[in-house]
C-alpha atoms as a PDB file:
ATOM      1  CA  MET A   1     -17.528  -4.413 -10.960  1.00  0.00           C
ATOM      2  CA  PRO A   2     -16.933  -7.423  -8.664  1.00  0.00           C
ATOM      3  CA  PHE A   3     -13.304  -8.603  -8.219  1.00  0.00           C
ATOM      4  CA  PRO A   4     -12.402 -11.415 -10.254  1.00  0.00           C
ATOM      5  CA  PHE A   5     -12.117 -14.743  -8.459  1.00  0.00           C
ATOM      6  CA  LEU A   6     -13.374 -13.316  -5.185  1.00  0.00           C
ATOM      7  CA  PRO A   7     -16.777 -13.475  -3.178  1.00  0.00           C
ATOM      8  CA  CYS A   8     -19.250 -10.881  -4.576  1.00  0.00           C
ATOM      9  CA  THR A   9     -19.932  -9.854  -0.911  1.00  0.00           C
ATOM     10  CA  LEU A  10     -16.433  -8.517  -0.402  1.00  0.00           C
ATOM     11  CA  SER A  11     -16.785  -5.314   1.509  1.00  0.00           C
ATOM     12  CA  MET A  12     -14.893  -2.237   0.592  1.00  0.00           C
ATOM     13  CA  GLN A  13     -14.283   0.915   2.759  1.00  0.00           C
ATOM     14  CA  LEU A  14     -13.800   4.459   1.191  1.00  0.00           C
ATOM     15  CA  VAL A  15     -10.339   5.544   2.746  1.00  0.00           C
ATOM     16  CA  PHE A  16      -9.515   8.651   0.448  1.00  0.00           C
ATOM     17  CA  ASP A  17     -11.986  11.025  -1.350  1.00  0.00           C
ATOM     18  CA  GLY A  18     -10.123  13.796  -3.032  1.00  0.00           C
ATOM     19  CA  LEU A  19     -13.373  15.373  -4.462  1.00  0.00           C
ATOM     20  CA  ALA A  20     -14.811  15.957  -0.808  1.00  0.00           C
ATOM     21  CA  GLN A  21     -11.506  17.649   0.345  1.00  0.00           C
ATOM     22  CA  PRO A  22     -12.701  21.392   1.294  1.00  0.00           C
ATOM     23  CA  TYR A  23     -11.063  24.284  -0.688  1.00  0.00           C
ATOM     24  CA  GLY A  24      -8.703  26.263   1.507  1.00  0.00           C
ATOM     25  CA  ILE A  25      -5.139  27.669   1.839  1.00  0.00           C
ATOM     26  CA  THR A  26      -2.002  25.574   2.578  1.00  0.00           C
ATOM     27  CA  PRO A  27      -1.257  26.239   6.130  1.00  0.00           C
ATOM     28  CA  GLU A  28       2.526  26.033   5.657  1.00  0.00           C
ATOM     29  CA  SER A  29       2.044  29.127   3.215  1.00  0.00           C
ATOM     30  CA  LEU A  30       1.311  31.495   6.199  1.00  0.00           C
ATOM     31  CA  LEU A  31       5.230  31.287   6.881  1.00  0.00           C
ATOM     32  CA  VAL A  32       5.835  33.382   3.820  1.00  0.00           C
ATOM     33  CA  LEU A  33       3.718  36.026   5.225  1.00  0.00           C
ATOM     34  CA  LEU A  34       6.232  36.687   7.952  1.00  0.00           C
ATOM     35  CA  PRO A  35       8.158  39.201   5.889  1.00  0.00           C
ATOM     36  CA  LEU A  36       4.764  41.075   5.533  1.00  0.00           C
ATOM     37  CA  GLY A  37       4.429  41.055   9.303  1.00  0.00           C
ATOM     38  CA  TRP A  38       7.750  42.326  10.035  1.00  0.00           C
ATOM     39  CA  TRP A  39       7.369  45.192   7.279  1.00  0.00           C
ATOM     40  CA  GLY A  40       4.372  46.017   9.027  1.00  0.00           C
ATOM     41  CA  PHE A  41       5.568  46.280  12.471  1.00  0.00           C
ATOM     42  CA  GLU A  42       8.675  48.391  11.375  1.00  0.00           C
ATOM     43  CA  ARG A  43       6.451  50.547   9.223  1.00  0.00           C
ATOM     44  CA  LEU A  44       3.492  51.060  11.696  1.00  0.00           C
ATOM     45  CA  VAL A  45       4.815  50.346  15.113  1.00  0.00           C
ATOM     46  CA  ARG A  46       8.242  51.447  15.081  1.00  0.00           C
ATOM     47  CA  GLY A  47       7.592  54.380  12.311  1.00  0.00           C
ATOM     48  CA  LYS A  48      10.691  53.233  10.403  1.00  0.00           C
ATOM     49  CA  ARG A  49      11.159  52.976   6.834  1.00  0.00           C
ATOM     50  CA  SER A  50      11.540  49.365   5.380  1.00  0.00           C
ATOM     51  CA  PRO A  51      11.930  48.038   1.944  1.00  0.00           C
ATOM     52  CA  TRP A  52       8.969  48.052  -0.090  1.00  0.00           C
ATOM     53  CA  TRP A  53       9.683  44.811  -1.804  1.00  0.00           C
ATOM     54  CA  LEU A  54       9.298  42.754   1.230  1.00  0.00           C
ATOM     55  CA  PRO A  55       5.600  42.878   1.162  1.00  0.00           C
ATOM     56  CA  VAL A  56       5.454  42.673  -2.588  1.00  0.00           C
ATOM     57  CA  VAL A  57       7.507  39.476  -2.516  1.00  0.00           C
ATOM     58  CA  SER A  58       5.598  38.054   0.471  1.00  0.00           C
ATOM     59  CA  ILE A  59       2.148  38.537  -1.049  1.00  0.00           C
ATOM     60  CA  ALA A  60       3.265  37.199  -4.512  1.00  0.00           C
ATOM     61  CA  LEU A  61       4.683  33.832  -2.789  1.00  0.00           C
ATOM     62  CA  PHE A  62       1.487  33.401  -0.742  1.00  0.00           C
ATOM     63  CA  SER A  63      -0.740  33.879  -3.694  1.00  0.00           C
ATOM     64  CA  LEU A  64       1.257  31.591  -5.883  1.00  0.00           C
ATOM     65  CA  ILE A  65       1.439  28.995  -3.574  1.00  0.00           C
ATOM     66  CA  ASN A  66      -2.333  28.868  -2.788  1.00  0.00           C
ATOM     67  CA  GLY A  67      -3.251  29.894  -6.255  1.00  0.00           C
ATOM     68  CA  ILE A  68      -1.641  26.686  -7.554  1.00  0.00           C
ATOM     69  CA  ARG A  69      -3.425  24.644  -4.711  1.00  0.00           C
ATOM     70  CA  LEU A  70      -7.026  26.277  -5.522  1.00  0.00           C
ATOM     71  CA  TRP A  71      -6.641  25.893  -9.429  1.00  0.00           C
ATOM     72  CA  ASP A  72      -5.674  22.203  -9.200  1.00  0.00           C
ATOM     73  CA  GLN A  73      -8.749  21.539  -7.122  1.00  0.00           C
ATOM     74  CA  TRP A  74     -11.178  23.586  -9.104  1.00  0.00           C
ATOM     75  CA  ARG A  75      -9.956  21.697 -12.281  1.00  0.00           C
ATOM     76  CA  ILE A  76     -10.236  18.133 -10.799  1.00  0.00           C
ATOM     77  CA  HIS A  77     -13.700  18.878  -9.400  1.00  0.00           C
ATOM     78  CA  ALA A  78     -14.662  20.349 -12.821  1.00  0.00           C
ATOM     79  CA  LEU A  79     -13.427  16.995 -14.635  1.00  0.00           C
ATOM     80  CA  ALA A  80     -15.900  15.320 -16.870  1.00  0.00           C
ATOM     81  CA  PRO A  81     -16.962  11.788 -15.762  1.00  0.00           C
ATOM     82  CA  GLU A  82     -15.615  10.190 -18.745  1.00  0.00           C
ATOM     83  CA  ALA A  83     -12.198  11.633 -17.671  1.00  0.00           C
ATOM     84  CA  LEU A  84     -12.395   9.533 -14.535  1.00  0.00           C
ATOM     85  CA  ARG A  85     -11.263   5.824 -14.786  1.00  0.00           C
ATOM     86  CA  VAL A  86     -12.021   2.936 -12.172  1.00  0.00           C
ATOM     87  CA  THR A  87      -9.496   0.139 -11.761  1.00  0.00           C
ATOM     88  CA  THR A  88     -10.442  -2.715  -9.399  1.00  0.00           C
ATOM     89  CA  GLY A  89      -8.439  -5.598  -8.185  1.00  0.00           C
ATOM     90  CA  LEU A  90      -5.847  -6.887  -5.686  1.00  0.00           C
ATOM     91  CA  VAL A  91      -2.472  -5.397  -5.080  1.00  0.00           C
ATOM     92  CA  GLU A  92       0.055  -7.230  -6.884  1.00  0.00           C
ATOM     93  CA  GLU A  93       2.918  -5.325  -5.861  1.00  0.00           C
ATOM     94  CA  SER A  94       3.515  -2.306  -3.611  1.00  0.00           C
ATOM     95  CA  TRP A  95       6.477  -0.340  -2.335  1.00  0.00           C
ATOM     96  CA  HIS A  96       7.985   2.248  -0.029  1.00  0.00           C
ATOM     97  CA  ILE A  97      11.220   3.728  -0.721  1.00  0.00           C
ATOM     98  CA  GLU A  98      12.964   6.266   1.445  1.00  0.00           C
ATOM     99  CA  SER A  99      15.782   8.353  -0.240  1.00  0.00           C
ATOM    100  CA  ARG A 100      18.122  11.007   1.320  1.00  0.00           C
ATOM    101  CA  THR A 101      19.523  13.512  -0.860  1.00  0.00           C
ATOM    102  CA  ARG A 102      21.820  16.606  -0.371  1.00  0.00           C
ATOM    103  CA  ASP A 103      19.770  19.723  -0.247  1.00  0.00           C
ATOM    104  CA  TRP A 104      22.113  22.157  -2.261  1.00  0.00           C
ATOM    105  CA  SER A 105      19.743  24.933  -1.640  1.00  0.00           C
ATOM    106  CA  GLN A 106      20.627  25.184   2.123  1.00  0.00           C
ATOM    107  CA  LYS A 107      24.171  26.509   3.211  1.00  0.00           C
ATOM    108  CA  SER A 108      24.308  23.638   5.840  1.00  0.00           C
ATOM    109  CA  LEU A 109      24.177  21.188   2.949  1.00  0.00           C
ATOM    110  CA  SER A 110      21.392  19.183   4.893  1.00  0.00           C
ATOM    111  CA  TYR A 111      19.835  16.206   3.707  1.00  0.00           C
ATOM    112  CA  ARG A 112      16.299  16.172   2.059  1.00  0.00           C
ATOM    113  CA  LYS A 113      14.201  12.883   2.801  1.00  0.00           C
ATOM    114  CA  THR A 114      11.960  11.891  -0.253  1.00  0.00           C
ATOM    115  CA  VAL A 115       9.502   9.031   0.336  1.00  0.00           C
ATOM    116  CA  SER A 116       8.231   7.192  -2.941  1.00  0.00           C
ATOM    117  CA  GLU A 117       5.338   5.019  -2.766  1.00  0.00           C
ATOM    118  CA  GLY A 118       2.932   3.047  -5.126  1.00  0.00           C
ATOM    119  CA  PHE A 119       1.321  -0.055  -5.936  1.00  0.00           C
ATOM    120  CA  ASP A 120       0.197  -2.242  -8.896  1.00  0.00           C
ATOM    121  CA  VAL A 121      -3.284  -3.242  -9.374  1.00  0.00           C
ATOM    122  CA  ALA A 122      -4.881  -5.242 -12.221  1.00  0.00           C
ATOM    123  CA  GLY A 123      -1.774  -4.374 -14.320  1.00  0.00           C
ATOM    124  CA  VAL A 124      -2.010  -0.596 -13.839  1.00  0.00           C
ATOM    125  CA  ARG A 125       0.796   1.138 -11.741  1.00  0.00           C
ATOM    126  CA  PHE A 126       0.204   4.037  -9.273  1.00  0.00           C
ATOM    127  CA  LYS A 127       3.019   5.851  -7.872  1.00  0.00           C
ATOM    128  CA  TRP A 128       3.604   9.131  -5.774  1.00  0.00           C
ATOM    129  CA  ASN A 129       5.896  10.872  -3.331  1.00  0.00           C
ATOM    130  CA  VAL A 130       4.464  11.189   0.076  1.00  0.00           C
ATOM    131  CA  GLY A 131       3.252  14.802   0.627  1.00  0.00           C
ATOM    132  CA  ASP A 132       4.153  15.885  -2.835  1.00  0.00           C
ATOM    133  CA  SER A 133       0.774  16.722  -4.537  1.00  0.00           C
ATOM    134  CA  TYR A 134      -0.444  20.041  -5.941  1.00  0.00           C
ATOM    135  CA  SER A 135      -3.640  20.020  -3.656  1.00  0.00           C
ATOM    136  CA  PRO A 136      -5.412  17.578  -1.229  1.00  0.00           C
ATOM    137  CA  ALA A 137      -7.678  16.678  -4.480  1.00  0.00           C
ATOM    138  CA  THR A 138      -5.372  13.644  -5.241  1.00  0.00           C
ATOM    139  CA  PHE A 139      -3.895  11.056  -3.208  1.00  0.00           C
ATOM    140  CA  SER A 140      -0.489  11.252  -1.528  1.00  0.00           C
ATOM    141  CA  ASN A 141      -0.750   9.260   1.575  1.00  0.00           C
ATOM    142  CA  VAL A 142      -0.443  12.164   3.988  1.00  0.00           C
ATOM    143  CA  GLN A 143      -3.034  10.283   6.611  1.00  0.00           C
ATOM    144  CA  ASP A 144      -1.797   9.692  10.123  1.00  0.00           C
ATOM    145  CA  PRO A 145      -1.193   6.861  10.280  1.00  0.00           C
ATOM    146  CA  PRO A 146      -0.316   6.184   6.704  1.00  0.00           C
ATOM    147  CA  LEU A 147      -2.114   3.768   4.482  1.00  0.00           C
ATOM    148  CA  GLU A 148      -0.073   0.410   3.933  1.00  0.00           C
ATOM    149  CA  PHE A 149      -0.991  -1.841   0.881  1.00  0.00           C
ATOM    150  CA  PRO A 150      -0.019  -5.363   1.421  1.00  0.00           C
ATOM    151  CA  LYS A 151      -0.241  -7.853  -1.396  1.00  0.00           C
ATOM    152  CA  ARG A 152      -3.717  -9.357  -2.157  1.00  0.00           C
ATOM    153  CA  THR A 153      -5.405  -6.084  -0.559  1.00  0.00           C
ATOM    154  CA  PRO A 154      -8.566  -5.364  -2.597  1.00  0.00           C
ATOM    155  CA  LEU A 155      -8.645  -1.845  -4.076  1.00  0.00           C
ATOM    156  CA  GLU A 156     -10.852   0.316  -6.061  1.00  0.00           C
ATOM    157  CA  VAL A 157      -9.060   3.195  -7.586  1.00  0.00           C
ATOM    158  CA  THR A 158     -10.635   6.089  -9.220  1.00  0.00           C
ATOM    159  CA  TRP A 159      -7.947   8.011 -11.061  1.00  0.00           C
ATOM    160  CA  PHE A 160      -7.313  10.293 -14.171  1.00  0.00           C
ATOM    161  CA  VAL A 161      -4.334  11.035 -16.434  1.00  0.00           C
ATOM    162  CA  ASP A 162      -2.946  14.608 -15.668  1.00  0.00           C
ATOM    163  CA  GLU A 163      -1.177  16.112 -18.601  1.00  0.00           C
ATOM    164  CA  ALA A 164      -0.126  18.855 -16.295  1.00  0.00           C
ATOM    165  CA  THR A 165       2.087  16.413 -14.557  1.00  0.00           C
ATOM    166  CA  GLN A 166       3.638  14.723 -17.612  1.00  0.00           C
ATOM    167  CA  GLY A 167       0.728  12.198 -17.853  1.00  0.00           C
ATOM    168  CA  GLU A 168       0.767  10.826 -14.357  1.00  0.00           C
ATOM    169  CA  ARG A 169      -2.138   8.708 -12.965  1.00  0.00           C
ATOM    170  CA  ARG A 170      -3.398  10.767 -10.029  1.00  0.00           C
ATOM    171  CA  ILE A 171      -5.854   8.986  -7.625  1.00  0.00           C
ATOM    172  CA  VAL A 172      -8.876  10.979  -6.828  1.00  0.00           C
ATOM    173  CA  ARG A 173     -10.752   8.186  -4.764  1.00  0.00           C
ATOM    174  CA  LEU A 174      -9.585   5.172  -3.220  1.00  0.00           C
ATOM    175  CA  SER A 175     -11.595   2.255  -1.607  1.00  0.00           C
ATOM    176  CA  MET A 176      -9.866  -0.597   0.280  1.00  0.00           C
ATOM    177  CA  GLY A 177     -10.934  -3.972   1.432  1.00  0.00           C
ATOM    178  CA  ASN A 178      -9.387  -6.319   3.933  1.00  0.00           C
ATOM    179  CA  SER A 179      -6.622  -8.832   2.469  1.00  0.00           C
ATOM    180  CA  ALA A 180      -8.013 -11.530   4.731  1.00  0.00           C
ATOM    181  CA  ASP A 181     -11.426 -11.165   2.998  1.00  0.00           C
ATOM    182  CA  ALA A 182      -9.777 -11.862  -0.443  1.00  0.00           C
ATOM    183  CA  ARG A 183      -8.414 -15.370   0.622  1.00  0.00           C
ATOM    184  CA  GLY A 184     -11.357 -17.147  -0.787  1.00  0.00           C
ATOM    185  CA  HIS A 185     -14.432 -18.830   0.526  1.00  0.00           C
ATOM    186  CA  PRO A 186     -13.825 -20.549   3.689  1.00  0.00           C
ATOM    187  CA  ALA A 187     -15.545 -23.654   2.398  1.00  0.00           C
ATOM    188  CA  ASP A 188     -12.752 -24.106  -0.171  1.00  0.00           C
ATOM    189  CA  PRO A 189     -10.607 -27.099   1.503  1.00  0.00           C
ATOM    190  CA  LEU A 190      -7.230 -25.547  -0.048  1.00  0.00           C
ATOM    191  CA  VAL A 191      -7.895 -22.424   1.584  1.00  0.00           C
ATOM    192  CA  ALA A 192      -8.883 -24.366   4.815  1.00  0.00           C
ATOM    193  CA  ILE A 193      -5.510 -26.179   4.929  1.00  0.00           C
ATOM    194  CA  VAL A 194      -3.471 -23.090   4.365  1.00  0.00           C
ATOM    195  CA  ALA A 195      -5.204 -21.519   7.481  1.00  0.00           C
ATOM    196  CA  ARG A 196      -4.641 -24.551   9.596  1.00  0.00           C
ATOM    197  CA  LEU A 197      -1.034 -24.576   8.561  1.00  0.00           C
ATOM    198  CA  GLY A 198      -0.841 -20.806   9.819  1.00  0.00           C
ATOM    199  CA  ALA A 199      -2.675 -21.891  13.102  1.00  0.00           C
ATOM    200  CA  ALA A 200      -0.421 -24.927  13.480  1.00  0.00           C
ATOM    201  CA  LEU A 201       2.814 -23.054  13.114  1.00  0.00           C
ATOM    202  CA  ASN A 202       1.441 -20.394  15.690  1.00  0.00           C
ATOM    203  CA  ALA A 203       0.673 -23.092  18.228  1.00  0.00           C
ATOM    204  CA  ASP A 204       2.874 -24.162  21.159  1.00  0.00           C
ATOM    205  CA  ASN A 205       3.365 -27.667  19.764  1.00  0.00           C
ATOM    206  CA  PRO A 206       3.805 -29.385  16.551  1.00  0.00           C
ATOM    207  CA  THR A 207       0.885 -31.660  17.136  1.00  0.00           C
ATOM    208  CA  GLY A 208      -1.491 -29.874  14.666  1.00  0.00           C
ATOM    209  CA  LEU A 209       1.145 -29.896  12.144  1.00  0.00           C
ATOM    210  CA  VAL A 210       1.354 -33.484  11.897  1.00  0.00           C
ATOM    211  CA  GLU A 211      -2.189 -34.007  11.390  1.00  0.00           C
ATOM    212  CA  ILE A 212      -2.223 -31.862   8.132  1.00  0.00           C
ATOM    213  CA  THR A 213       1.383 -32.979   6.962  1.00  0.00           C
ATOM    214  CA  ARG A 214       2.303 -35.793   4.330  1.00  0.00           C
ATOM    215  CA  PHE A 215       5.165 -37.898   5.375  1.00  0.00           C
ATOM    216  CA  PRO A 216       7.702 -38.431   4.038  1.00  0.00           C
ATOM    217  CA  PHE A 217       7.892 -34.580   3.776  1.00  0.00           C
ATOM    218  CA  ALA A 218      10.153 -32.959   1.160  1.00  0.00           C
ATOM    219  CA  PHE A 219      11.924 -30.082   2.759  1.00  0.00           C
ATOM    220  CA  GLY A 220      14.453 -28.375   0.423  1.00  0.00           C
ATOM    221  CA  ALA A 221      16.901 -31.323  -0.445  1.00  0.00           C
ATOM    222  CA  HIS A 222      16.035 -33.247   2.603  1.00  0.00           C
ATOM    223  CA  THR A 223      13.129 -35.812   3.472  1.00  0.00           C
ATOM    224  CA  LEU A 224      11.712 -35.687   6.696  1.00  0.00           C
ATOM    225  CA  GLU A 225       9.793 -38.444   8.502  1.00  0.00           C
ATOM    226  CA  ARG A 226       6.853 -38.056  10.850  1.00  0.00           C
ATOM    227  CA  ASP A 227       9.106 -38.357  14.014  1.00  0.00           C
ATOM    228  CA  GLU A 228      10.987 -35.187  12.755  1.00  0.00           C
ATOM    229  CA  ALA A 229       7.900 -33.070  12.780  1.00  0.00           C
ATOM    230  CA  PRO A 230       9.473 -31.120  15.638  1.00  0.00           C
ATOM    231  CA  THR A 231      12.102 -29.981  13.346  1.00  0.00           C
ATOM    232  CA  LEU A 232       9.947 -28.921  10.703  1.00  0.00           C
ATOM    233  CA  TRP A 233       7.880 -26.893  12.802  1.00  0.00           C
ATOM    234  CA  ALA A 234      10.548 -25.173  14.704  1.00  0.00           C
ATOM    235  CA  ALA A 235      12.184 -24.416  11.210  1.00  0.00           C
ATOM    236  CA  LEU A 236       8.988 -22.917   9.833  1.00  0.00           C
ATOM    237  CA  ARG A 237       7.957 -20.726  13.058  1.00  0.00           C
ATOM    238  CA  MET A 238       9.000 -17.350  11.774  1.00  0.00           C
ATOM    239  CA  PRO A 239       6.744 -14.450  12.116  1.00  0.00           C
ATOM    240  CA  ALA A 240       7.007 -13.292   8.544  1.00  0.00           C
ATOM    241  CA  LEU A 241       5.946 -16.709   7.220  1.00  0.00           C
ATOM    242  CA  GLN A 242       3.105 -16.898   9.800  1.00  0.00           C
ATOM    243  CA  SER A 243       2.000 -13.277   8.690  1.00  0.00           C
ATOM    244  CA  CYS A 244       2.111 -14.294   4.824  1.00  0.00           C
ATOM    245  CA  LEU A 245       0.066 -17.511   5.639  1.00  0.00           C
ATOM    246  CA  ALA A 246      -2.504 -15.669   7.463  1.00  0.00           C
ATOM    247  CA  ARG A 247      -3.302 -13.546   4.222  1.00  0.00           C
ATOM    248  CA  ALA A 248      -2.056 -15.628   1.491  1.00  0.00           C
ATOM    249  CA  VAL A 249      -4.283 -16.843  -1.494  1.00  0.00           C
ATOM    250  CA  PRO A 250      -3.431 -20.267  -2.541  1.00  0.00           C
ATOM    251  CA  ALA A 251      -3.033 -21.099  -6.309  1.00  0.00           C
ATOM    252  CA  ARG A 252      -4.112 -24.377  -7.759  1.00  0.00           C
ATOM    253  CA  MET A 253      -1.204 -25.487 -10.007  1.00  0.00           C
ATOM    254  CA  ALA A 254      -2.822 -28.689 -11.320  1.00  0.00           C
ATOM    255  CA  GLU A 255      -5.514 -31.131 -10.326  1.00  0.00           C
ATOM    256  CA  GLY A 256      -4.707 -31.826  -6.629  1.00  0.00           C
ATOM    257  CA  ILE A 257      -1.782 -29.474  -6.465  1.00  0.00           C
ATOM    258  CA  GLY A 258      -1.915 -26.199  -4.457  1.00  0.00           C
ATOM    259  CA  ARG A 259       0.722 -23.760  -3.686  1.00  0.00           C
ATOM    260  CA  VAL A 260       1.467 -20.720  -1.702  1.00  0.00           C
ATOM    261  CA  ASP A 261       4.498 -18.293  -2.366  1.00  0.00           C
ATOM    262  CA  CYS A 262       5.618 -16.562   0.623  1.00  0.00           C
ATOM    263  CA  GLU A 263       8.447 -14.210  -0.578  1.00  0.00           C
ATOM    264  CA  GLY A 264      10.655 -17.148  -1.986  1.00  0.00           C
ATOM    265  CA  THR A 265       9.375 -19.717   0.664  1.00  0.00           C
ATOM    266  CA  VAL A 266       6.973 -22.043  -1.385  1.00  0.00           C
ATOM    267  CA  PHE A 267       4.556 -24.225   0.436  1.00  0.00           C
ATOM    268  CA  GLU A 268       3.005 -27.182  -1.601  1.00  0.00           C
ATOM    269  CA  PHE A 269      -0.141 -28.930  -0.941  1.00  0.00           C
ATOM    270  CA  HIS A 270      -1.441 -32.217  -2.401  1.00  0.00           C
ATOM    271  CA  THR A 271      -4.616 -34.052  -2.143  1.00  0.00           C
ATOM    272  CA  ALA A 272      -4.653 -37.564  -0.355  1.00  0.00           C
ATOM    273  CA  ALA A 273      -6.285 -40.452  -1.438  1.00  0.00           C
ATOM    274  CA  ASP A 274      -9.230 -39.804   0.790  1.00  0.00           C
ATOM    275  CA  GLY A 275      -9.536 -36.420  -1.053  1.00  0.00           C
ATOM    276  CA  ARG A 276      -8.191 -34.537   2.069  1.00  0.00           C
ATOM    277  CA  TRP A 277      -5.511 -31.627   1.305  1.00  0.00           C
ATOM    278  CA  LEU A 278      -2.342 -32.099   3.196  1.00  0.00           C
ATOM    279  CA  PHE A 279       0.650 -30.007   3.325  1.00  0.00           C
ATOM    280  CA  SER A 280       3.543 -32.051   1.374  1.00  0.00           C
ATOM    281  CA  GLY A 281       6.524 -29.983   0.880  1.00  0.00           C
ATOM    282  CA  VAL A 282       8.658 -26.900   0.969  1.00  0.00           C
ATOM    283  CA  PRO A 283      10.658 -27.129  -2.258  1.00  0.00           C
ATOM    284  CA  GLN A 284      14.398 -26.029  -2.334  1.00  0.00           C
ATOM    285  CA  SER A 285      14.920 -22.276  -3.235  1.00  0.00           C
ATOM    286  CA  ARG A 286      16.429 -21.551  -6.418  1.00  0.00           C
END
């Protein structure tokens, strides 16, 4: 299914495939076998009697941890094709939230860190806690380095509703495109003027900005003339704005009017009498 309003040649890269993950035990679960090792050493090497419940508890915990993992992988591999859904679109919102809470299970009352992440695509919300999944068959962003999901990034998400986790949407396959590819066709003059604005702000002098700006220029509650272009150039030379312009997709608000919203800073563009797009203003933030 092609992305709406995007070129059909948009390339996608498979970045996660839970169905391709091999079956196996959880490496961390080997720690619960330590009591079994200690029991065997005491019993077989030193010839001492040791509590019988140590190996029982150790084996039970090892079986439980890995049993859940293997059960989860098995049932996901066994899902019927009609149980899997595919959502395709651009990232509308994403978040990465780190929280620290008291770990009351520890005598030291240490803090436990939880990292919550997620994104919205085509009106569908996906969320997870990093590293918190029954098995590697579903996505929880444990890659190194972890994936990031900037706005306007094209995604194709294969997922299912898991009744075992209270109806959560669990991702079994994830493909990602380049946010720069989603900006529109380079022949689009509005896309081109946004790219030129980003390049002008990244340049070492404001000359390029003068060439693509309509004066008098509306800058908040002020009006700037052509000779004040260096002031405008200096005010907008912020890395966050340059980064936003590099990946932004302009919106046509009306005939001859375009806009880019960079986290509250709005860039407006108008067509001149000769049909060229020009940078026309930065409205005052509300």
